[in-house]
C-alpha atoms as a PDB file:
ATOM      1  CA  MET A   1    -134.971-161.317  38.344  1.00  0.00           C
ATOM      2  CA  GLU A   2    -132.939-164.814  37.903  1.00  0.00           C
ATOM      3  CA  LEU A   3    -130.443-163.689  34.499  1.00  0.00           C
ATOM      4  CA  LEU A   4    -129.890-160.850  36.888  1.00  0.00           C
ATOM      5  CA  LYS A   5    -129.369-163.150  40.245  1.00  0.00           C
ATOM      6  CA  VAL A   6    -126.452-165.714  37.778  1.00  0.00           C
ATOM      7  CA  LEU A   7    -125.098-162.151  35.814  1.00  0.00           C
ATOM      8  CA  LEU A   8    -124.169-161.129  39.761  1.00  0.00           C
ATOM      9  CA  VAL A   9    -122.320-164.199  41.042  1.00  0.00           C
ATOM     10  CA  VAL A  10    -120.483-164.529  37.547  1.00  0.00           C
ATOM     11  CA  TYR A  11    -119.710-161.185  38.749  1.00  0.00           C
ATOM     12  CA  CYS A  12    -118.535-162.493  41.584  1.00  0.00           C
ATOM     13  CA  ILE A  13    -116.222-165.237  40.473  1.00  0.00           C
ATOM     14  CA  ILE A  14    -114.653-162.886  37.247  1.00  0.00           C
ATOM     15  CA  PHE A  15    -113.722-160.332  40.677  1.00  0.00           C
ATOM     16  CA  LEU A  16    -111.987-163.556  42.355  1.00  0.00           C
ATOM     17  CA  PHE A  17    -109.769-163.646  39.338  1.00  0.00           C
ATOM     18  CA  ASN A  18    -109.218-160.119  38.619  1.00  0.00           C
ATOM     19  CA  VAL A  19    -108.536-160.034  42.835  1.00  0.00           C
ATOM     20  CA  ILE A  20    -106.985-162.779  42.416  1.00  0.00           C
ATOM     21  CA  GLY A  21    -103.848-161.845  39.470  1.00  0.00           C
ATOM     22  CA  ASN A  22    -103.977-158.148  40.214  1.00  0.00           C
ATOM     23  CA  SER A  23    -102.784-159.283  44.153  1.00  0.00           C
ATOM     24  CA  LEU A  24    -100.167-161.649  43.282  1.00  0.00           C
ATOM     25  CA  VAL A  25     -99.028-158.554  40.332  1.00  0.00           C
ATOM     26  CA  ILE A  26     -98.608-156.783  42.918  1.00  0.00           C
ATOM     27  CA  TYR A  27     -97.027-158.957  45.897  1.00  0.00           C
ATOM     28  CA  ILE A  28     -94.366-160.190  43.338  1.00  0.00           C
ATOM     29  CA  ILE A  29     -93.337-157.028  41.986  1.00  0.00           C
ATOM     30  CA  TRP A  30     -93.440-155.176  45.846  1.00  0.00           C
ATOM     31  CA  LYS A  31     -91.281-158.139  47.280  1.00  0.00           C
ATOM     32  CA  LYS A  32     -88.328-157.503  44.520  1.00  0.00           C
ATOM     33  CA  GLN A  33     -86.229-155.471  46.340  1.00  0.00           C
ATOM     34  CA  SER A  34     -85.565-152.182  44.219  1.00  0.00           C
ATOM     35  CA  SER A  35     -82.387-152.262  43.185  1.00  0.00           C
ATOM     36  CA  GLN A  36     -84.378-155.417  41.463  1.00  0.00           C
ATOM     37  CA  ARG A  37     -87.476-153.270  39.773  1.00  0.00           C
ATOM     38  CA  THR A  38     -87.666-152.303  36.264  1.00  0.00           C
ATOM     39  CA  SER A  39     -89.191-149.677  33.565  1.00  0.00           C
ATOM     40  CA  THR A  40     -91.372-152.624  33.016  1.00  0.00           C
ATOM     41  CA  ASP A  41     -92.577-154.090  36.527  1.00  0.00           C
ATOM     42  CA  TYR A  42     -93.557-150.110  37.694  1.00  0.00           C
ATOM     43  CA  LEU A  43     -96.022-150.223  34.610  1.00  0.00           C
ATOM     44  CA  MET A  44     -97.304-153.228  35.417  1.00  0.00           C
ATOM     45  CA  LEU A  45     -97.700-152.116  39.393  1.00  0.00           C
ATOM     46  CA  ASN A  46     -99.652-148.869  38.589  1.00  0.00           C
ATOM     47  CA  MET A  47    -101.757-151.702  35.497  1.00  0.00           C
ATOM     48  CA  ALA A  48    -102.500-154.256  38.170  1.00  0.00           C
ATOM     49  CA  GLY A  49    -103.540-151.817  41.027  1.00  0.00           C
ATOM     50  CA  ALA A  50    -105.506-149.985  38.711  1.00  0.00           C
ATOM     51  CA  ASP A  51    -107.691-153.330  37.204  1.00  0.00           C
ATOM     52  CA  LEU A  52    -107.822-154.058  41.227  1.00  0.00           C
ATOM     53  CA  ILE A  53    -109.125-150.492  41.855  1.00  0.00           C
ATOM     54  CA  PHE A  54    -112.279-150.652  38.828  1.00  0.00           C
ATOM     55  CA  GLY A  55    -112.555-154.442  39.185  1.00  0.00           C
ATOM     56  CA  VAL A  56    -114.210-153.414  43.207  1.00  0.00           C
ATOM     57  CA  PHE A  57    -115.546-150.334  42.535  1.00  0.00           C
ATOM     58  CA  VAL A  58    -117.555-151.800  39.269  1.00  0.00           C
ATOM     59  CA  LEU A  59    -118.515-154.974  41.837  1.00  0.00           C
ATOM     60  CA  ILE A  60    -119.571-152.294  44.004  1.00  0.00           C
ATOM     61  CA  LEU A  61    -121.659-150.228  41.233  1.00  0.00           C
ATOM     62  CA  GLN A  62    -123.570-153.569  40.489  1.00  0.00           C
ATOM     63  CA  PHE A  63    -124.395-154.402  43.874  1.00  0.00           C
ATOM     64  CA  LEU A  64    -125.869-151.443  43.535  1.00  0.00           C
ATOM     65  CA  ILE A  65    -128.123-151.842  40.651  1.00  0.00           C
ATOM     66  CA  PHE A  66    -128.979-155.355  41.780  1.00  0.00           C
ATOM     67  CA  SER A  67    -130.129-153.422  45.489  1.00  0.00           C
ATOM     68  CA  ILE A  68    -132.463-150.923  43.860  1.00  0.00           C
ATOM     69  CA  LEU A  69    -134.139-153.425  42.305  1.00  0.00           C
ATOM     70  CA  PHE A  70    -134.693-156.192  45.602  1.00  0.00           C
ATOM     71  CA  ILE A  71    -134.323-153.236  48.420  1.00  0.00           C
ATOM     72  CA  PRO A  72    -137.112-150.696  47.697  1.00  0.00           C
ATOM     73  CA  ASN A  73    -135.754-147.776  49.864  1.00  0.00           C
ATOM     74  CA  SER A  74    -132.105-148.085  48.388  1.00  0.00           C
ATOM     75  CA  TYR A  75    -132.860-145.585  45.937  1.00  0.00           C
ATOM     76  CA  LYS A  76    -132.562-142.381  48.192  1.00  0.00           C
ATOM     77  CA  ILE A  77    -128.808-143.309  49.604  1.00  0.00           C
ATOM     78  CA  ILE A  78    -128.167-144.433  46.415  1.00  0.00           C
ATOM     79  CA  PHE A  79    -128.420-141.279  44.494  1.00  0.00           C
ATOM     80  CA  ASP A  80    -129.482-138.491  47.675  1.00  0.00           C
ATOM     81  CA  ASP A  81    -126.212-138.973  49.648  1.00  0.00           C
ATOM     82  CA  VAL A  82    -123.627-136.892  48.467  1.00  0.00           C
ATOM     83  CA  LEU A  83    -120.485-138.502  49.739  1.00  0.00           C
ATOM     84  CA  PHE A  84    -122.383-142.207  48.966  1.00  0.00           C
ATOM     85  CA  CYS A  85    -122.955-141.056  45.580  1.00  0.00           C
ATOM     86  CA  ARG A  86    -119.239-139.547  44.308  1.00  0.00           C
ATOM     87  CA  LEU A  87    -117.879-143.002  45.683  1.00  0.00           C
ATOM     88  CA  PHE A  88    -119.853-145.447  44.610  1.00  0.00           C
ATOM     89  CA  THR A  89    -122.883-144.063  42.389  1.00  0.00           C
ATOM     90  CA  THR A  90    -121.256-141.883  39.584  1.00  0.00           C
ATOM     91  CA  GLY A  91    -118.486-144.685  38.955  1.00  0.00           C
ATOM     92  CA  ASP A  92    -116.312-142.002  38.817  1.00  0.00           C
ATOM     93  CA  ILE A  93    -113.744-143.781  40.337  1.00  0.00           C
ATOM     94  CA  ALA A  94    -113.745-147.101  38.574  1.00  0.00           C
ATOM     95  CA  LEU A  95    -113.822-144.819  35.342  1.00  0.00           C
ATOM     96  CA  ALA A  96    -110.780-142.867  36.112  1.00  0.00           C
ATOM     97  CA  ALA A  97    -109.061-146.705  37.120  1.00  0.00           C
ATOM     98  CA  HIS A  98    -110.201-147.515  33.537  1.00  0.00           C
ATOM     99  CA  VAL A  99    -108.726-144.335  31.974  1.00  0.00           C
ATOM    100  CA  ASP A 100    -104.866-144.797  33.633  1.00  0.00           C
ATOM    101  CA  SER A 101    -104.859-148.658  33.189  1.00  0.00           C
ATOM    102  CA  THR A 102    -105.531-147.372  29.348  1.00  0.00           C
ATOM    103  CA  PHE A 103    -102.872-144.681  29.338  1.00  0.00           C
ATOM    104  CA  THR A 104    -100.577-147.046  31.410  1.00  0.00           C
ATOM    105  CA  MET A 105    -101.035-149.945  28.212  1.00  0.00           C
ATOM    106  CA  LEU A 106    -100.303-146.884  26.032  1.00  0.00           C
ATOM    107  CA  ILE A 107     -96.929-146.847  28.367  1.00  0.00           C
ATOM    108  CA  LEU A 108     -96.216-149.912  28.494  1.00  0.00           C
ATOM    109  CA  SER A 109     -96.667-150.206  24.212  1.00  0.00           C
ATOM    110  CA  VAL A 110     -94.129-147.117  23.830  1.00  0.00           C
ATOM    111  CA  GLU A 111     -91.565-148.622  26.919  1.00  0.00           C
ATOM    112  CA  ARG A 112     -91.401-152.479  24.778  1.00  0.00           C
ATOM    113  CA  TYR A 113     -90.986-150.981  21.116  1.00  0.00           C
ATOM    114  CA  PHE A 114     -87.709-148.614  22.431  1.00  0.00           C
ATOM    115  CA  ALA A 115     -87.071-151.818  24.261  1.00  0.00           C
ATOM    116  CA  VAL A 116     -87.167-154.125  21.568  1.00  0.00           C
ATOM    117  CA  CYS A 117     -86.403-151.621  18.159  1.00  0.00           C
ATOM    118  CA  ARG A 118     -84.492-149.119  19.715  1.00  0.00           C
ATOM    119  CA  PRO A 119     -82.126-150.355  22.883  1.00  0.00           C
ATOM    120  CA  HIS A 120     -79.705-147.793  22.371  1.00  0.00           C
ATOM    121  CA  SER A 121     -82.098-144.977  23.362  1.00  0.00           C
ATOM    122  CA  PHE A 122     -84.023-147.106  25.799  1.00  0.00           C
ATOM    123  CA  LYS A 123     -82.223-146.073  29.485  1.00  0.00           C
ATOM    124  CA  LYS A 124     -83.203-142.567  27.971  1.00  0.00           C
ATOM    125  CA  TRP A 125     -86.145-142.664  27.726  1.00  0.00           C
ATOM    126  CA  PHE A 126     -87.541-145.600  30.491  1.00  0.00           C
ATOM    127  CA  SER A 127     -85.355-144.853  33.555  1.00  0.00           C
ATOM    128  CA  LYS A 128     -86.903-145.369  36.976  1.00  0.00           C
ATOM    129  CA  ARG A 129     -87.140-141.923  37.312  1.00  0.00           C
ATOM    130  CA  ASN A 130     -89.137-141.128  34.935  1.00  0.00           C
ATOM    131  CA  VAL A 131     -91.203-144.094  34.440  1.00  0.00           C
ATOM    132  CA  LYS A 132     -92.082-143.258  38.168  1.00  0.00           C
ATOM    133  CA  PHE A 133     -93.488-139.788  36.767  1.00  0.00           C
ATOM    134  CA  SER A 134     -95.561-141.265  34.219  1.00  0.00           C
ATOM    135  CA  VAL A 135     -97.359-143.196  36.577  1.00  0.00           C
ATOM    136  CA  VAL A 136     -98.141-139.840  38.546  1.00  0.00           C
ATOM    137  CA  LEU A 137     -99.134-138.409  35.382  1.00  0.00           C
ATOM    138  CA  CYS A 138    -101.023-141.154  33.945  1.00  0.00           C
ATOM    139  CA  TRP A 139    -103.354-140.735  37.321  1.00  0.00           C
ATOM    140  CA  ILE A 140    -103.611-137.169  37.240  1.00  0.00           C
ATOM    141  CA  LEU A 141    -104.470-137.029  33.666  1.00  0.00           C
ATOM    142  CA  SER A 142    -107.441-139.633  34.651  1.00  0.00           C
ATOM    143  CA  LEU A 143    -108.842-137.798  37.673  1.00  0.00           C
ATOM    144  CA  ALA A 144    -108.440-134.680  34.668  1.00  0.00           C
ATOM    145  CA  MET A 145    -110.535-136.408  32.101  1.00  0.00           C
ATOM    146  CA  VAL A 146    -113.390-137.728  34.758  1.00  0.00           C
ATOM    147  CA  LEU A 147    -113.811-135.474  37.789  1.00  0.00           C
ATOM    148  CA  PRO A 148    -115.258-132.606  36.099  1.00  0.00           C
ATOM    149  CA  ARG A 149    -117.985-135.337  34.893  1.00  0.00           C
ATOM    150  CA  SER A 150    -119.842-134.542  39.109  1.00  0.00           C
ATOM    151  CA  SER A 151    -119.092-130.034  38.245  1.00  0.00           C
ATOM    152  CA  GLY A 152    -123.048-130.384  39.307  1.00  0.00           C
ATOM    153  CA  GLN A 153    -124.982-129.676  42.547  1.00  0.00           C
ATOM    154  CA  SER A 154    -126.163-133.032  42.512  1.00  0.00           C
ATOM    155  CA  CYS A 155    -125.341-137.121  42.025  1.00  0.00           C
ATOM    156  CA  SER A 156    -127.673-136.658  38.994  1.00  0.00           C
ATOM    157  CA  SER A 157    -127.303-133.307  37.737  1.00  0.00           C
ATOM    158  CA  TRP A 158    -124.452-133.381  35.358  1.00  0.00           C
ATOM    159  CA  SER A 159    -123.735-130.791  32.306  1.00  0.00           C
ATOM    160  CA  ARG A 160    -124.899-132.585  29.032  1.00  0.00           C
ATOM    161  CA  ASP A 161    -122.648-130.575  27.133  1.00  0.00           C
ATOM    162  CA  LEU A 162    -120.035-131.150  28.995  1.00  0.00           C
ATOM    163  CA  VAL A 163    -120.784-134.950  28.883  1.00  0.00           C
ATOM    164  CA  LYS A 164    -121.154-134.842  25.303  1.00  0.00           C
ATOM    165  CA  THR A 165    -117.594-132.754  25.382  1.00  0.00           C
ATOM    166  CA  LEU A 166    -115.971-135.079  27.747  1.00  0.00           C
ATOM    167  CA  SER A 167    -118.065-138.444  25.443  1.00  0.00           C
ATOM    168  CA  VAL A 168    -115.982-136.915  22.466  1.00  0.00           C
ATOM    169  CA  ILE A 169    -112.836-136.766  23.542  1.00  0.00           C
ATOM    170  CA  SER A 170    -113.161-140.650  25.370  1.00  0.00           C
ATOM    171  CA  MET A 171    -113.869-141.964  21.552  1.00  0.00           C
ATOM    172  CA  VAL A 172    -111.111-140.047  20.451  1.00  0.00           C
ATOM    173  CA  PHE A 173    -108.749-140.616  23.167  1.00  0.00           C
ATOM    174  CA  LEU A 174    -109.721-144.884  22.599  1.00  0.00           C
ATOM    175  CA  MET A 175    -109.379-144.469  18.966  1.00  0.00           C
ATOM    176  CA  VAL A 176    -106.369-142.775  18.693  1.00  0.00           C
ATOM    177  CA  THR A 177    -104.733-144.807  22.183  1.00  0.00           C
ATOM    178  CA  LEU A 178    -105.609-148.452  19.524  1.00  0.00           C
ATOM    179  CA  LEU A 179    -104.076-147.097  16.567  1.00  0.00           C
ATOM    180  CA  ILE A 180    -100.626-146.342  18.740  1.00  0.00           C
ATOM    181  CA  ILE A 181    -100.407-149.353  19.694  1.00  0.00           C
ATOM    182  CA  ALA A 182    -101.127-151.238  16.919  1.00  0.00           C
ATOM    183  CA  ALA A 183     -98.678-149.184  14.995  1.00  0.00           C
ATOM    184  CA  LEU A 184     -96.082-150.344  17.836  1.00  0.00           C
ATOM    185  CA  SER A 185     -97.228-153.722  17.628  1.00  0.00           C
ATOM    186  CA  VAL A 186     -96.409-154.421  14.336  1.00  0.00           C
ATOM    187  CA  ASN A 187     -92.535-152.448  14.640  1.00  0.00           C
ATOM    188  CA  ILE A 188     -92.258-155.200  17.450  1.00  0.00           C
ATOM    189  CA  TYR A 189     -93.565-157.893  15.900  1.00  0.00           C
ATOM    190  CA  LEU A 190     -91.310-156.987  12.458  1.00  0.00           C
ATOM    191  CA  THR A 191     -87.759-156.479  14.793  1.00  0.00           C
ATOM    192  CA  LEU A 192     -88.379-159.607  15.988  1.00  0.00           C
ATOM    193  CA  TRP A 193     -89.399-161.827  13.537  1.00  0.00           C
ATOM    194  CA  TRP A 194     -87.528-160.112  10.422  1.00  0.00           C
ATOM    195  CA  LYS A 195     -84.416-158.388  11.846  1.00  0.00           C
ATOM    196  CA  HIS A 196     -81.843-160.607  11.557  1.00  0.00           C
ATOM    197  CA  THR A 197     -78.720-160.616  14.034  1.00  0.00           C
ATOM    198  CA  THR A 198     -75.146-160.641  13.299  1.00  0.00           C
ATOM    199  CA  ILE A 199     -74.163-163.096  15.693  1.00  0.00           C
ATOM    200  CA  GLN A 200     -74.371-166.603  13.655  1.00  0.00           C
ATOM    201  CA  PRO A 201     -77.330-169.014  15.440  1.00  0.00           C
ATOM    202  CA  THR A 202     -76.726-172.506  16.625  1.00  0.00           C
ATOM    203  CA  ALA A 203     -79.254-174.631  16.467  1.00  0.00           C
ATOM    204  CA  ALA A 204     -80.284-174.138  20.056  1.00  0.00           C
ATOM    205  CA  ARG A 205     -79.957-170.321  20.261  1.00  0.00           C
ATOM    206  CA  GLU A 206     -82.124-170.323  16.531  1.00  0.00           C
ATOM    207  CA  ILE A 207     -84.891-172.732  18.579  1.00  0.00           C
ATOM    208  CA  GLN A 208     -84.889-170.668  21.814  1.00  0.00           C
ATOM    209  CA  GLU A 209     -85.067-167.305  20.161  1.00  0.00           C
ATOM    210  CA  ARG A 210     -88.211-168.893  17.925  1.00  0.00           C
ATOM    211  CA  LYS A 211     -89.998-169.404  21.651  1.00  0.00           C
ATOM    212  CA  MET A 212     -88.991-166.227  22.264  1.00  0.00           C
ATOM    213  CA  LYS A 213     -90.589-164.424  19.401  1.00  0.00           C
ATOM    214  CA  LYS A 214     -93.736-166.329  19.590  1.00  0.00           C
ATOM    215  CA  ARG A 215     -94.535-165.811  22.685  1.00  0.00           C
ATOM    216  CA  VAL A 216     -93.458-162.045  23.533  1.00  0.00           C
ATOM    217  CA  THR A 217     -95.952-161.311  20.003  1.00  0.00           C
ATOM    218  CA  LEU A 218     -98.618-164.053  20.602  1.00  0.00           C
ATOM    219  CA  CYS A 219     -99.063-161.789  24.065  1.00  0.00           C
ATOM    220  CA  VAL A 220     -98.833-158.229  22.490  1.00  0.00           C
ATOM    221  CA  LEU A 221    -101.627-159.448  20.202  1.00  0.00           C
ATOM    222  CA  ALA A 222    -103.599-161.250  22.439  1.00  0.00           C
ATOM    223  CA  VAL A 223    -103.701-158.072  24.874  1.00  0.00           C
ATOM    224  CA  ILE A 224    -104.380-155.681  21.752  1.00  0.00           C
ATOM    225  CA  VAL A 225    -106.808-157.875  20.720  1.00  0.00           C
ATOM    226  CA  THR A 226    -108.820-158.460  24.221  1.00  0.00           C
ATOM    227  CA  TYR A 227    -108.746-154.770  24.905  1.00  0.00           C
ATOM    228  CA  ILE A 228    -110.354-153.649  21.063  1.00  0.00           C
ATOM    229  CA  PHE A 229    -113.013-156.029  21.361  1.00  0.00           C
ATOM    230  CA  LEU A 230    -113.740-155.977  25.444  1.00  0.00           C
ATOM    231  CA  ASN A 231    -113.697-152.129  25.375  1.00  0.00           C
ATOM    232  CA  ILE A 232    -114.782-150.533  22.551  1.00  0.00           C
ATOM    233  CA  PRO A 233    -118.641-151.586  23.016  1.00  0.00           C
ATOM    234  CA  LEU A 234    -118.901-149.314  26.353  1.00  0.00           C
ATOM    235  CA  TYR A 235    -117.554-146.381  24.642  1.00  0.00           C
ATOM    236  CA  ILE A 236    -119.351-146.695  22.116  1.00  0.00           C
ATOM    237  CA  CYS A 237    -122.658-147.215  24.437  1.00  0.00           C
ATOM    238  CA  TYR A 238    -121.473-144.404  26.163  1.00  0.00           C
ATOM    239  CA  VAL A 239    -121.082-142.403  22.873  1.00  0.00           C
ATOM    240  CA  LEU A 240    -124.602-143.375  21.336  1.00  0.00           C
ATOM    241  CA  TYR A 241    -126.343-143.157  24.804  1.00  0.00           C
ATOM    242  CA  VAL A 242    -125.355-139.514  25.324  1.00  0.00           C
ATOM    243  CA  PHE A 243    -126.036-137.808  22.150  1.00  0.00           C
ATOM    244  CA  HIS A 244    -129.474-139.646  22.087  1.00  0.00           C
ATOM    245  CA  LEU A 245    -128.902-142.647  20.160  1.00  0.00           C
ATOM    246  CA  ILE A 246    -129.990-144.917  22.075  1.00  0.00           C
ATOM    247  CA  THR A 247    -132.859-143.464  23.585  1.00  0.00           C
ATOM    248  CA  GLU A 248    -134.955-146.695  25.282  1.00  0.00           C
ATOM    249  CA  LEU A 249    -134.302-147.389  28.645  1.00  0.00           C
ATOM    250  CA  GLU A 250    -134.533-150.998  29.009  1.00  0.00           C
ATOM    251  CA  THR A 251    -132.086-151.128  25.161  1.00  0.00           C
ATOM    252  CA  VAL A 252    -129.548-149.314  27.480  1.00  0.00           C
ATOM    253  CA  VAL A 253    -129.564-151.012  31.015  1.00  0.00           C
ATOM    254  CA  LYS A 254    -129.125-154.004  28.645  1.00  0.00           C
ATOM    255  CA  LEU A 255    -126.354-152.531  26.328  1.00  0.00           C
ATOM    256  CA  ALA A 256    -124.783-150.658  30.106  1.00  0.00           C
ATOM    257  CA  HIS A 257    -124.791-154.093  31.425  1.00  0.00           C
ATOM    258  CA  ILE A 258    -123.133-156.022  28.796  1.00  0.00           C
ATOM    259  CA  THR A 259    -120.007-153.443  28.012  1.00  0.00           C
ATOM    260  CA  ILE A 260    -119.362-152.822  31.354  1.00  0.00           C
ATOM    261  CA  PHE A 261    -119.224-156.725  31.670  1.00  0.00           C
ATOM    262  CA  LEU A 262    -117.149-157.188  28.756  1.00  0.00           C
ATOM    263  CA  SER A 263    -114.664-154.523  30.475  1.00  0.00           C
ATOM    264  CA  PHE A 264    -114.715-156.153  33.673  1.00  0.00           C
ATOM    265  CA  ILE A 265    -113.332-159.071  32.546  1.00  0.00           C
ATOM    266  CA  ASN A 266    -110.340-157.457  30.242  1.00  0.00           C
ATOM    267  CA  SER A 267    -109.256-155.988  33.790  1.00  0.00           C
ATOM    268  CA  SER A 268    -109.593-159.519  34.961  1.00  0.00           C
ATOM    269  CA  LEU A 269    -107.494-160.673  31.855  1.00  0.00           C
ATOM    270  CA  ASP A 270    -104.897-158.832  32.193  1.00  0.00           C
ATOM    271  CA  PRO A 271    -102.870-160.252  34.901  1.00  0.00           C
ATOM    272  CA  TYR A 272    -102.267-163.444  33.253  1.00  0.00           C
ATOM    273  CA  MET A 273    -102.025-162.752  29.490  1.00  0.00           C
ATOM    274  CA  TYR A 274     -99.249-160.439  31.110  1.00  0.00           C
ATOM    275  CA  SER A 275     -97.453-163.455  33.010  1.00  0.00           C
ATOM    276  CA  PHE A 276     -97.461-165.399  29.663  1.00  0.00           C
ATOM    277  CA  GLN A 277     -94.261-163.361  28.462  1.00  0.00           C
ATOM    278  CA  ASN A 278     -92.675-163.341  31.149  1.00  0.00           C
ATOM    279  CA  GLN A 279     -91.036-166.533  32.840  1.00  0.00           C
ATOM    280  CA  ARG A 280     -90.123-165.267  36.306  1.00  0.00           C
ATOM    281  CA  MET A 281     -93.763-163.929  35.953  1.00  0.00           C
ATOM    282  CA  ARG A 282     -94.489-167.713  35.206  1.00  0.00           C
ATOM    283  CA  LYS A 283     -92.815-169.395  37.683  1.00  0.00           C
ATOM    284  CA  LEU A 284     -93.722-167.335  40.910  1.00  0.00           C
ATOM    285  CA  PHE A 285     -97.694-167.756  39.680  1.00  0.00           C
ATOM    286  CA  LYS A 286     -97.146-171.256  39.685  1.00  0.00           C
ATOM    287  CA  ALA A 287     -94.700-171.178  43.247  1.00  0.00           C
ATOM    288  CA  ILE A 288     -97.408-169.442  44.918  1.00  0.00           C
ATOM    289  CA  PHE A 289    -100.503-171.900  43.407  1.00  0.00           C
ATOM    290  CA  THR A 290     -98.764-174.786  44.634  1.00  0.00           C
ATOM    291  CA  CYS A 291     -98.052-173.298  47.685  1.00  0.00           C
ATOM    292  CA  LYS A 292     -93.909-174.443  46.714  1.00  0.00           C
ATOM    293  CA  GLU A 293     -91.738-172.996  50.443  1.00  0.00           C
ATOM    294  CA  ARG A 294     -91.140-169.439  51.197  1.00  0.00           C
ATOM    295  CA  GLU A 295     -87.636-170.130  50.179  1.00  0.00           C
ATOM    296  CA  ASP A 296     -88.370-171.444  47.102  1.00  0.00           C
ATOM    297  CA  LEU A 297     -90.250-167.941  46.524  1.00  0.00           C
ATOM    298  CA  THR A 298     -87.649-166.072  47.598  1.00  0.00           C
ATOM    299  CA  GLN A 299     -85.461-167.539  45.406  1.00  0.00           C
ATOM    300  CA  GLU A 300     -87.406-167.327  41.612  1.00  0.00           C
ATOM    301  CA  GLN A 301     -88.046-163.551  43.352  1.00  0.00           C
ATOM    302  CA  THR A 302     -83.930-162.877  42.132  1.00  0.00           C
ATOM    303  CA  LEU A 303     -84.756-164.517  38.615  1.00  0.00           C
ATOM    304  CA  GLY A 304     -83.988-161.615  35.645  1.00  0.00           C
ATOM    305  CA  GLN A 305     -86.854-160.805  33.726  1.00  0.00           C
END
């Protein structure tokens, strides 16, 4: 019981990092003039929003789980109230936000690939209009993958066959996503490190290029590695449970807590990792945390990416 209390406190601490990081990303991008927002800005804005929604509803779900243990009559409200169950107990909103974040990360990887490896085609495929459309499409696809899970008559009356089918689709989707992101990252890495520029670099230019290469490469690798290690366990655990490969209730509950917790951490890390590769974002984070004057903050927002 004490361990559960400690876990809840840890959830709250990580949730604060989630809210602070993702809210700052949303604020920074939102404060920019529309003409100054890039395609990357819109994708990062969508990912920050999805990660924030995921964090909020996962924390609510954890409070519901703990309330069952500490409040005797809470079970009736959590599972018998249809509206309450649809919004919170099923975790559908959190799952939809998680899937949307994954779709967005995939598009962001493709966007960075075109920006680095195929710059001449970048504006054609990643105009602001196309990126906005892709953001809307991400949410539509996410909801389409998640909502059928709750098509039963009650909160717990999901179709077992439907859940199995969606579990397989989710696992295939995850693996394909990871393979695509990995392939794009390798291409970005090779282009940044091995493609020679036609301009003869000076010593200062060479140093600056190496710093940029290292920063971008490390950021991409960090995002991929953390996503793999922090999200794959959740998908694997879900599939194992659906196909009855894990039957002991205590084991299922423990694995669910661990895997959801890892995914929860990932949603909180994203804004900080992406800020490391963006000079403007780093300066604005520093400006906000050190309480700089509003005039300085406004001046920083005019800096290029």
